Amino acid sequence: MFFDSWFGLLRVLVVGTLAYGALIVLLRVSGKRSLSKMNAFDLVVTVALGSTFAAVILNNSIPLAEGVLALALLIGLQFVITWLSVRFRAVEKLIKSEPTLLVRDGTYLDDAMGAQRVTRDEIQAALRDSGSTTLAEIECVVLETDGSLTVIRKG
């Protein structure tokens, strides 16, 4: 239960190190987009990469070469989808949400806030982060595609 064999520990050490190195190389080759602020699509890919990486390290029945191929496949598919999304608006709309206006001219847009499940307290926190203290100072607050809130001051 607590210890199976020295070979198992050695396998995790060797395969984990090699798979980690391969993952770093693959991420560097795929470009900065793989490591950008995450939208929902990026989060799914990141979770899939983590799950695959863990399976390669801990599952004795998965050879290192197959695991590295699986990691490369996920990164390659992400590269293709993001490449297509830059070139075709329909693909971009499929994988990314649109930014949502939550506050306009100092007024909460309650319908938009409800649809996006954002509370007034979260908006107030974003205002404080931006250095603002009241809605009167704000032209708008936007929920970005990566889930962050952007505060735009008047003037």
Protein backbone atom coordinates (compact mmCIF):
# COMPACT_ATOMS: atom_id res chain seq x y z
CA MET A 1 0.00 0.00 0.00
CA PHE A 2 2.75 2.49 0.91
CA PHE A 3 5.59 1.00 -1.10
CA ASP A 4 5.51 -1.39 -4.03
CA SER A 5 9.03 -1.57 -5.39
CA TRP A 6 12.20 0.38 -6.00
CA PHE A 7 11.65 -0.15 -9.73
CA GLY A 8 8.32 1.69 -9.55
CA LEU A 9 9.98 4.65 -7.88
CA LEU A 10 12.81 4.63 -10.42
CA ARG A 11 10.31 4.46 -13.30
CA VAL A 12 8.39 7.49 -11.98
CA LEU A 13 11.65 9.38 -11.57
CA VAL A 14 13.01 8.58 -15.04
CA VAL A 15 9.76 8.66 -17.04
CA GLY A 16 8.54 11.75 -15.15
CA THR A 17 11.74 13.63 -15.88
CA LEU A 18 11.76 12.66 -19.56
CA ALA A 19 8.03 13.38 -20.02
CA TYR A 20 8.43 16.74 -18.27
CA GLY A 21 11.33 17.63 -20.55
CA ALA A 22 9.31 16.62 -23.61
CA LEU A 23 6.33 18.68 -22.42
CA ILE A 24 8.51 21.77 -21.94
CA VAL A 25 10.02 21.36 -25.42
CA LEU A 26 6.58 20.86 -26.99
CA LEU A 27 5.17 23.92 -25.24
CA ARG A 28 8.13 26.07 -26.33
CA VAL A 29 7.82 24.88 -29.93
CA SER A 30 4.05 25.52 -29.98
CA GLY A 31 4.53 29.20 -29.15
CA LYS A 32 3.43 31.70 -26.57
CA ARG A 33 -0.26 31.08 -27.21
CA SER A 34 -0.05 27.77 -25.31
CA LEU A 35 0.99 29.62 -22.17
CA SER A 36 -1.31 32.65 -22.46
CA LYS A 37 -4.07 33.78 -20.13
CA MET A 38 -6.66 31.08 -20.31
CA ASN A 39 -10.12 31.12 -21.77
CA ALA A 40 -12.37 28.05 -21.44
CA PHE A 41 -10.73 26.34 -24.44
CA ASP A 42 -7.24 26.83 -23.01
CA LEU A 43 -8.35 25.54 -19.62
CA VAL A 44 -9.67 22.32 -21.15
CA VAL A 45 -6.40 21.78 -23.02
CA THR A 46 -4.37 22.49 -19.87
CA VAL A 47 -6.39 20.01 -17.81
CA ALA A 48 -6.06 17.41 -20.57
CA LEU A 49 -2.28 17.96 -20.67
CA GLY A 50 -2.04 17.58 -16.90
CA SER A 51 -4.14 14.44 -16.91
CA THR A 52 -2.12 12.91 -19.73
CA PHE A 53 1.16 13.85 -18.05
CA ALA A 54 0.03 12.23 -14.78
CA ALA A 55 -1.09 9.07 -16.60
CA VAL A 56 2.26 8.78 -18.38
CA ILE A 57 4.16 9.10 -15.11
CA LEU A 58 2.01 6.83 -12.96
CA ASN A 59 0.59 4.21 -15.32
CA ASN A 60 3.10 1.44 -16.02
CA SER A 61 1.18 0.28 -19.08
CA ILE A 62 1.75 3.56 -20.96
CA PRO A 63 5.17 3.65 -22.64
CA LEU A 64 6.98 6.98 -22.63
CA ALA A 65 6.84 7.27 -26.44
CA GLU A 66 3.05 6.90 -26.45
CA GLY A 67 2.72 9.43 -23.65
CA VAL A 68 4.89 11.98 -25.44
CA LEU A 69 2.88 11.40 -28.62
CA ALA A 70 -0.35 12.03 -26.67
CA LEU A 71 1.07 15.28 -25.26
CA ALA A 72 2.25 16.33 -28.74
CA LEU A 73 -1.20 15.52 -30.16
CA LEU A 74 -2.97 17.72 -27.60
CA ILE A 75 -0.57 20.61 -28.15
CA GLY A 76 -0.73 20.14 -31.92
CA LEU A 77 -4.53 20.18 -31.89
CA GLN A 78 -4.50 23.33 -29.77
CA PHE A 79 -2.08 24.92 -32.23
CA VAL A 80 -4.31 24.02 -35.21
CA ILE A 81 -7.49 25.28 -33.52
CA THR A 82 -5.89 28.57 -32.47
CA TRP A 83 -4.32 28.98 -35.94
CA LEU A 84 -7.75 28.48 -37.50
CA SER A 85 -9.37 30.85 -35.00
CA VAL A 86 -7.00 33.64 -36.02
CA ARG A 87 -7.88 33.15 -39.69
CA PHE A 88 -11.57 32.28 -39.55
CA ARG A 89 -14.06 34.28 -37.48
CA ALA A 90 -16.47 31.32 -37.28
CA VAL A 91 -13.84 29.16 -35.58
CA GLU A 92 -12.96 31.98 -33.20
CA LYS A 93 -16.63 32.40 -32.25
CA LEU A 94 -16.87 28.64 -31.70
CA ILE A 95 -14.02 28.48 -29.16
CA LYS A 96 -14.11 31.94 -27.56
CA SER A 97 -16.83 33.88 -25.86
CA GLU A 98 -17.40 37.56 -26.48
CA PRO A 99 -16.48 40.17 -23.86
CA THR A 100 -19.54 41.27 -21.87
CA LEU A 101 -20.31 44.80 -20.71
CA LEU A 102 -21.32 44.70 -17.01
CA VAL A 103 -21.29 48.40 -16.06
CA ARG A 104 -21.97 51.37 -18.35
CA ASP A 105 -21.70 55.01 -17.29
CA GLY A 106 -21.72 54.11 -13.60
CA THR A 107 -24.78 51.86 -13.86
CA TYR A 108 -24.83 48.11 -13.22
CA LEU A 109 -26.23 46.08 -16.12
CA ASP A 110 -28.04 43.53 -13.97
CA ASP A 111 -29.23 41.31 -16.83
CA ALA A 112 -25.69 40.93 -18.18
CA MET A 113 -24.33 40.37 -14.66
CA GLY A 114 -26.92 37.65 -14.03
CA ALA A 115 -26.25 35.95 -17.34
CA GLN A 116 -22.51 35.89 -16.62
CA ARG A 117 -22.94 35.06 -12.91
CA VAL A 118 -20.98 38.09 -11.74
CA THR A 119 -21.90 39.78 -8.46
CA ARG A 120 -21.72 43.43 -7.49
CA ASP A 121 -19.11 42.49 -4.89
CA GLU A 122 -16.86 41.10 -7.64
CA ILE A 123 -17.23 44.31 -9.62
CA GLN A 124 -16.49 46.37 -6.51
CA ALA A 125 -13.31 44.31 -5.99
CA ALA A 126 -12.28 45.04 -9.59
CA LEU A 127 -12.91 48.73 -8.98
CA ARG A 128 -10.65 48.67 -5.92
CA ASP A 129 -7.98 46.79 -7.89
CA SER A 130 -8.09 49.54 -10.51
CA GLY A 131 -7.71 52.26 -7.89
CA SER A 132 -11.29 53.50 -8.20
CA THR A 133 -13.62 53.95 -5.27
CA THR A 134 -17.03 54.64 -6.82
CA LEU A 135 -19.00 53.75 -9.92
CA ALA A 136 -19.24 57.48 -10.71
CA GLU A 137 -15.57 57.38 -11.78
CA ILE A 138 -16.18 54.49 -14.19
CA GLU A 139 -17.16 54.55 -17.84
CA CYS A 140 -17.54 50.77 -18.03
CA VAL A 141 -16.56 47.39 -16.62
CA VAL A 142 -16.07 44.52 -19.08
CA LEU A 143 -15.94 40.79 -18.37
CA GLU A 144 -13.18 39.62 -20.72
CA THR A 145 -13.05 36.29 -22.55
CA ASP A 146 -10.52 34.95 -20.03
CA GLY A 147 -12.81 35.75 -17.07
CA SER A 148 -10.96 38.86 -15.91
CA LEU A 149 -12.70 42.16 -15.28
CA THR A 150 -11.43 45.27 -17.06
CA VAL A 151 -12.32 48.63 -15.53
CA ILE A 152 -12.27 51.68 -17.84
CA ARG A 153 -12.31 55.03 -16.10
CA LYS A 154 -14.04 58.12 -17.43
CA GLY A 155 -11.92 60.64 -19.29
